């Protein structure tokens, strides 16, 4: 078992991707993120590749899902909003995600 894991959301055509490096101890615990839409990329640190710097402004997780908002590098303008809901029944878990990128679409 690891202390962190990448949680990655993509669209069916794999033209949009958001990845969050998060702790596995419970709660949100987002440490880093990367996002790509076509050829445009955002990263929280150059260690995660090339792209415009953005930051995890706020995040929350509980038994019903995860909500995270991403901002520009000075936490002034919202860049994206991630909403994840999940349900578990009979040992199976299903996730549904919505990623809204401000000015770009959902």
N, C-alpha and C. Protein backbone atom coordinates (compact mmCIF):
# COMPACT_ATOMS: atom_id res chain seq x y z
N UNK A 1 0.84 -1.16 0.00
CA UNK A 1 0.00 0.00 0.00
C UNK A 1 0.90 1.24 0.00
N UNK A 2 0.48 2.27 -0.74
CA UNK A 2 1.25 3.51 -0.80
C UNK A 2 0.56 4.60 0.01
N UNK A 3 1.33 5.63 0.33
CA UNK A 3 0.78 6.75 1.09
C UNK A 3 0.05 7.74 0.19
N UNK A 4 0.35 7.71 -1.11
CA UNK A 4 -0.32 8.59 -2.07
C UNK A 4 -0.72 7.79 -3.30
N UNK A 5 -1.66 8.35 -4.06
CA UNK A 5 -2.07 7.73 -5.32
C UNK A 5 -2.57 8.81 -6.26
N UNK A 6 -2.42 8.57 -7.56
CA UNK A 6 -2.98 9.48 -8.56
C UNK A 6 -4.42 9.07 -8.83
N UNK A 7 -5.33 10.02 -8.76
CA UNK A 7 -6.73 9.85 -9.11
C UNK A 7 -6.90 10.59 -10.43
N UNK A 8 -7.22 9.87 -11.51
CA UNK A 8 -7.26 10.46 -12.84
C UNK A 8 -8.66 10.34 -13.42
N UNK A 9 -9.18 11.47 -13.93
CA UNK A 9 -10.48 11.52 -14.60
C UNK A 9 -10.24 11.89 -16.06
N UNK A 10 -10.88 11.18 -16.98
CA UNK A 10 -10.78 11.50 -18.41
C UNK A 10 -12.16 11.43 -19.04
N UNK A 11 -12.28 12.10 -20.19
CA UNK A 11 -13.52 11.97 -20.96
C UNK A 11 -13.40 10.72 -21.83
N UNK A 12 -14.50 10.22 -22.39
CA UNK A 12 -14.44 8.99 -23.19
C UNK A 12 -13.47 9.07 -24.37
N UNK A 13 -13.33 10.24 -24.98
CA UNK A 13 -12.42 10.39 -26.13
C UNK A 13 -10.98 10.66 -25.69
N UNK A 14 -10.76 10.78 -24.38
CA UNK A 14 -9.45 11.06 -23.80
C UNK A 14 -8.83 12.35 -24.34
N UNK A 15 -9.68 13.36 -24.57
CA UNK A 15 -9.18 14.68 -24.99
C UNK A 15 -9.02 15.61 -23.79
N UNK A 16 -9.64 15.25 -22.66
CA UNK A 16 -9.53 16.03 -21.43
C UNK A 16 -9.11 15.07 -20.32
N UNK A 17 -8.15 15.52 -19.50
CA UNK A 17 -7.69 14.68 -18.39
C UNK A 17 -7.35 15.56 -17.20
N UNK A 18 -7.75 15.12 -16.03
CA UNK A 18 -7.36 15.78 -14.78
C UNK A 18 -6.85 14.70 -13.85
N UNK A 19 -5.66 14.90 -13.31
CA UNK A 19 -5.08 13.98 -12.35
C UNK A 19 -4.78 14.70 -11.05
N UNK A 20 -5.09 14.06 -9.94
CA UNK A 20 -4.80 14.63 -8.62
C UNK A 20 -3.98 13.61 -7.84
N UNK A 21 -2.82 14.04 -7.34
CA UNK A 21 -2.02 13.22 -6.44
C UNK A 21 -2.54 13.48 -5.04
N UNK A 22 -3.08 12.45 -4.41
CA UNK A 22 -3.72 12.65 -3.11
C UNK A 22 -3.27 11.60 -2.12
N UNK A 23 -3.40 11.96 -0.85
CA UNK A 23 -3.09 11.03 0.23
C UNK A 23 -4.18 9.98 0.34
N UNK A 24 -3.81 8.83 0.88
CA UNK A 24 -4.77 7.73 1.00
C UNK A 24 -5.28 7.56 2.43
N UNK A 25 -4.99 8.51 3.31
CA UNK A 25 -5.37 8.37 4.71
C UNK A 25 -6.80 8.80 4.99
N UNK A 26 -7.51 9.30 3.99
CA UNK A 26 -8.88 9.76 4.21
C UNK A 26 -8.98 11.26 4.00
N UNK A 27 -10.18 11.74 3.75
CA UNK A 27 -10.35 13.15 3.44
C UNK A 27 -9.82 13.46 2.05
N UNK A 28 -9.69 14.75 1.74
CA UNK A 28 -9.26 15.13 0.39
C UNK A 28 -7.76 14.95 0.21
N UNK A 29 -6.94 15.65 0.91
CA UNK A 29 -5.48 15.48 0.88
C UNK A 29 -4.86 15.60 -0.49
N UNK A 30 -5.29 16.57 -1.32
CA UNK A 30 -4.69 16.76 -2.64
C UNK A 30 -3.35 17.46 -2.53
N UNK A 31 -2.29 16.83 -3.07
CA UNK A 31 -0.94 17.38 -2.99
C UNK A 31 -0.50 18.03 -4.29
N UNK A 32 -0.94 17.51 -5.41
CA UNK A 32 -0.51 17.99 -6.71
C UNK A 32 -1.59 17.67 -7.73
N UNK A 33 -1.52 18.33 -8.88
CA UNK A 33 -2.51 18.07 -9.93
C UNK A 33 -1.92 18.41 -11.29
N UNK A 34 -2.51 17.79 -12.30
CA UNK A 34 -2.20 18.14 -13.69
C UNK A 34 -3.51 18.05 -14.47
N UNK A 35 -3.63 18.90 -15.50
CA UNK A 35 -4.84 18.91 -16.30
C UNK A 35 -4.44 19.17 -17.75
N UNK A 36 -5.11 18.49 -18.67
CA UNK A 36 -4.85 18.69 -20.09
C UNK A 36 -6.17 18.74 -20.85
N UNK A 37 -6.25 19.70 -21.76
CA UNK A 37 -7.37 19.81 -22.69
C UNK A 37 -6.75 19.98 -24.06
N UNK A 38 -6.80 18.94 -24.87
CA UNK A 38 -6.12 18.99 -26.16
C UNK A 38 -4.63 19.23 -25.94
N UNK A 39 -4.10 20.29 -26.55
CA UNK A 39 -2.68 20.62 -26.40
C UNK A 39 -2.39 21.54 -25.22
N UNK A 40 -3.41 22.03 -24.53
CA UNK A 40 -3.22 22.93 -23.39
C UNK A 40 -3.03 22.11 -22.12
N UNK A 41 -2.02 22.49 -21.31
CA UNK A 41 -1.73 21.76 -20.08
C UNK A 41 -1.57 22.72 -18.90
N UNK A 42 -1.96 22.25 -17.73
CA UNK A 42 -1.76 22.96 -16.47
C UNK A 42 -1.13 21.97 -15.50
N UNK A 43 -0.24 22.45 -14.66
CA UNK A 43 0.41 21.61 -13.64
C UNK A 43 0.58 22.43 -12.37
N UNK A 44 0.58 21.76 -11.23
CA UNK A 44 0.83 22.47 -9.98
C UNK A 44 2.31 22.68 -9.72
N UNK A 45 3.15 21.94 -10.44
CA UNK A 45 4.60 22.06 -10.28
C UNK A 45 5.25 21.56 -11.56
N UNK A 46 6.34 22.18 -12.01
CA UNK A 46 7.02 21.70 -13.22
C UNK A 46 7.49 20.25 -13.14
N UNK A 47 7.58 19.69 -11.94
CA UNK A 47 7.95 18.28 -11.79
C UNK A 47 6.94 17.35 -12.46
N UNK A 48 5.72 17.85 -12.71
CA UNK A 48 4.67 17.03 -13.30
C UNK A 48 4.51 17.30 -14.80
N UNK A 49 5.48 17.96 -15.39
CA UNK A 49 5.46 18.20 -16.83
C UNK A 49 5.37 19.68 -17.15
N UNK A 50 5.31 19.96 -18.43
CA UNK A 50 5.19 21.34 -18.89
C UNK A 50 3.74 21.78 -18.82
N UNK A 51 3.55 23.06 -18.60
CA UNK A 51 2.20 23.60 -18.58
C UNK A 51 2.11 24.87 -17.76
N UNK A 52 0.98 25.51 -17.86
CA UNK A 52 0.69 26.70 -17.08
C UNK A 52 0.52 26.29 -15.62
N UNK A 53 1.13 27.03 -14.72
CA UNK A 53 1.02 26.70 -13.30
C UNK A 53 -0.39 27.06 -12.79
N UNK A 54 -1.00 26.11 -12.09
CA UNK A 54 -2.25 26.35 -11.38
C UNK A 54 -2.14 25.71 -10.01
N UNK A 55 -3.12 25.95 -9.15
CA UNK A 55 -3.02 25.45 -7.78
C UNK A 55 -4.35 24.85 -7.33
N UNK A 56 -4.26 23.96 -6.37
CA UNK A 56 -5.47 23.41 -5.74
C UNK A 56 -5.90 24.44 -4.71
N UNK A 57 -7.00 25.12 -4.98
CA UNK A 57 -7.45 26.18 -4.08
C UNK A 57 -8.21 25.66 -2.89
N UNK A 58 -9.04 24.66 -3.10
CA UNK A 58 -9.80 24.06 -2.01
C UNK A 58 -10.29 22.69 -2.45
N UNK A 59 -10.47 21.81 -1.49
CA UNK A 59 -10.96 20.48 -1.80
C UNK A 59 -11.62 19.86 -0.59
N UNK A 60 -12.52 18.92 -0.85
CA UNK A 60 -13.26 18.27 0.22
C UNK A 60 -13.66 16.88 -0.24
N UNK A 61 -13.51 15.90 0.63
CA UNK A 61 -13.97 14.53 0.35
C UNK A 61 -14.69 13.98 1.56
N UNK A 62 -15.73 13.21 1.29
CA UNK A 62 -16.41 12.47 2.34
C UNK A 62 -16.94 11.18 1.72
N UNK A 63 -17.84 10.51 2.43
CA UNK A 63 -18.33 9.22 1.94
C UNK A 63 -19.15 9.33 0.66
N UNK A 64 -19.61 10.53 0.32
CA UNK A 64 -20.43 10.69 -0.89
C UNK A 64 -19.65 11.12 -2.12
N UNK A 65 -18.43 11.64 -1.93
CA UNK A 65 -17.67 12.06 -3.10
C UNK A 65 -16.59 13.07 -2.79
N UNK A 66 -16.12 13.72 -3.85
CA UNK A 66 -15.03 14.68 -3.76
C UNK A 66 -15.40 15.94 -4.52
N UNK A 67 -15.02 17.07 -3.97
CA UNK A 67 -15.17 18.35 -4.66
C UNK A 67 -13.85 19.08 -4.55
N UNK A 68 -13.35 19.60 -5.67
CA UNK A 68 -12.09 20.34 -5.66
C UNK A 68 -12.18 21.49 -6.65
N UNK A 69 -11.61 22.62 -6.25
CA UNK A 69 -11.55 23.79 -7.12
C UNK A 69 -10.08 24.13 -7.37
N UNK A 70 -9.79 24.51 -8.59
CA UNK A 70 -8.43 24.82 -9.01
C UNK A 70 -8.37 26.27 -9.46
N UNK A 71 -7.29 26.96 -9.08
CA UNK A 71 -7.14 28.39 -9.34
C UNK A 71 -5.83 28.66 -10.07
N UNK A 72 -5.68 29.90 -10.56
CA UNK A 72 -4.42 30.29 -11.19
C UNK A 72 -3.31 30.28 -10.13
N UNK A 73 -2.09 30.59 -10.56
CA UNK A 73 -0.94 30.46 -9.66
C UNK A 73 -0.96 31.40 -8.46
N UNK A 74 -1.76 32.48 -8.50
CA UNK A 74 -1.84 33.37 -7.35
C UNK A 74 -3.19 33.25 -6.63
N UNK A 75 -3.92 32.20 -6.93
CA UNK A 75 -5.21 31.88 -6.30
C UNK A 75 -6.17 33.07 -6.41
N UNK A 76 -6.21 33.65 -7.60
CA UNK A 76 -7.06 34.80 -7.85
C UNK A 76 -8.26 34.43 -8.73
N UNK A 77 -8.01 33.69 -9.79
CA UNK A 77 -9.06 33.31 -10.74
C UNK A 77 -9.27 31.80 -10.71
N UNK A 78 -10.53 31.39 -10.64
CA UNK A 78 -10.86 29.96 -10.69
C UNK A 78 -10.59 29.45 -12.11
N UNK A 79 -9.90 28.32 -12.22
CA UNK A 79 -9.58 27.70 -13.50
C UNK A 79 -10.51 26.54 -13.79
N UNK A 80 -10.79 25.71 -12.77
CA UNK A 80 -11.60 24.50 -12.99
C UNK A 80 -12.26 24.06 -11.70
N UNK A 81 -13.34 23.29 -11.85
CA UNK A 81 -14.07 22.71 -10.72
C UNK A 81 -14.29 21.23 -11.01
N UNK A 82 -13.90 20.38 -10.08
CA UNK A 82 -14.11 18.94 -10.20
C UNK A 82 -15.15 18.52 -9.18
N UNK A 83 -16.13 17.74 -9.63
CA UNK A 83 -17.14 17.17 -8.75
C UNK A 83 -17.21 15.67 -9.04
N UNK A 84 -17.03 14.87 -8.01
CA UNK A 84 -17.06 13.41 -8.14
C UNK A 84 -18.06 12.86 -7.14
N UNK A 85 -18.96 12.02 -7.59
CA UNK A 85 -19.85 11.28 -6.69
C UNK A 85 -19.59 9.80 -6.90
N UNK A 86 -19.79 9.04 -5.86
CA UNK A 86 -19.59 7.59 -6.00
C UNK A 86 -20.59 6.84 -5.13
N UNK A 87 -20.82 5.62 -5.52
CA UNK A 87 -21.71 4.75 -4.76
C UNK A 87 -21.12 3.35 -4.76
N UNK A 88 -21.27 2.66 -3.64
CA UNK A 88 -20.79 1.29 -3.51
C UNK A 88 -21.95 0.40 -3.10
N UNK A 89 -22.09 -0.70 -3.80
CA UNK A 89 -23.13 -1.68 -3.49
C UNK A 89 -22.62 -3.06 -3.88
N UNK A 90 -22.80 -4.03 -2.99
CA UNK A 90 -22.41 -5.42 -3.24
C UNK A 90 -20.96 -5.53 -3.69
N UNK A 91 -20.09 -4.73 -3.07
CA UNK A 91 -18.66 -4.80 -3.36
C UNK A 91 -18.20 -4.07 -4.61
N UNK A 92 -19.11 -3.42 -5.32
CA UNK A 92 -18.73 -2.67 -6.52
C UNK A 92 -18.90 -1.18 -6.27
N UNK A 93 -17.94 -0.41 -6.76
CA UNK A 93 -17.99 1.05 -6.64
C UNK A 93 -18.04 1.67 -8.02
N UNK A 94 -18.93 2.63 -8.19
CA UNK A 94 -19.08 3.36 -9.45
C UNK A 94 -18.84 4.84 -9.17
N UNK A 95 -18.05 5.49 -10.05
CA UNK A 95 -17.76 6.91 -9.93
C UNK A 95 -18.40 7.66 -11.09
N UNK A 96 -18.87 8.87 -10.83
CA UNK A 96 -19.35 9.79 -11.88
C UNK A 96 -18.68 11.14 -11.62
N UNK A 97 -18.02 11.67 -12.65
CA UNK A 97 -17.27 12.91 -12.49
C UNK A 97 -17.78 13.99 -13.43
N UNK A 98 -17.70 15.23 -12.96
CA UNK A 98 -17.95 16.40 -13.80
C UNK A 98 -16.76 17.33 -13.61
N UNK A 99 -16.15 17.74 -14.72
CA UNK A 99 -15.07 18.71 -14.69
C UNK A 99 -15.51 19.92 -15.48
N UNK A 100 -15.60 21.05 -14.81
CA UNK A 100 -15.93 22.32 -15.46
C UNK A 100 -14.65 23.13 -15.56
N UNK A 101 -14.23 23.45 -16.77
CA UNK A 101 -13.07 24.30 -16.97
C UNK A 101 -13.60 25.67 -17.39
N UNK A 102 -13.36 26.67 -16.56
CA UNK A 102 -13.93 27.99 -16.76
C UNK A 102 -13.53 28.54 -18.14
N UNK A 103 -14.54 28.95 -18.91
CA UNK A 103 -14.30 29.50 -20.23
C UNK A 103 -14.03 28.48 -21.31
N UNK A 104 -13.99 27.19 -20.94
CA UNK A 104 -13.69 26.13 -21.91
C UNK A 104 -14.82 25.12 -22.04
N UNK A 105 -15.63 24.96 -21.00
CA UNK A 105 -16.74 24.02 -21.07
C UNK A 105 -16.69 22.98 -19.97
N UNK A 106 -17.65 22.05 -20.06
CA UNK A 106 -17.80 20.99 -19.07
C UNK A 106 -17.50 19.66 -19.73
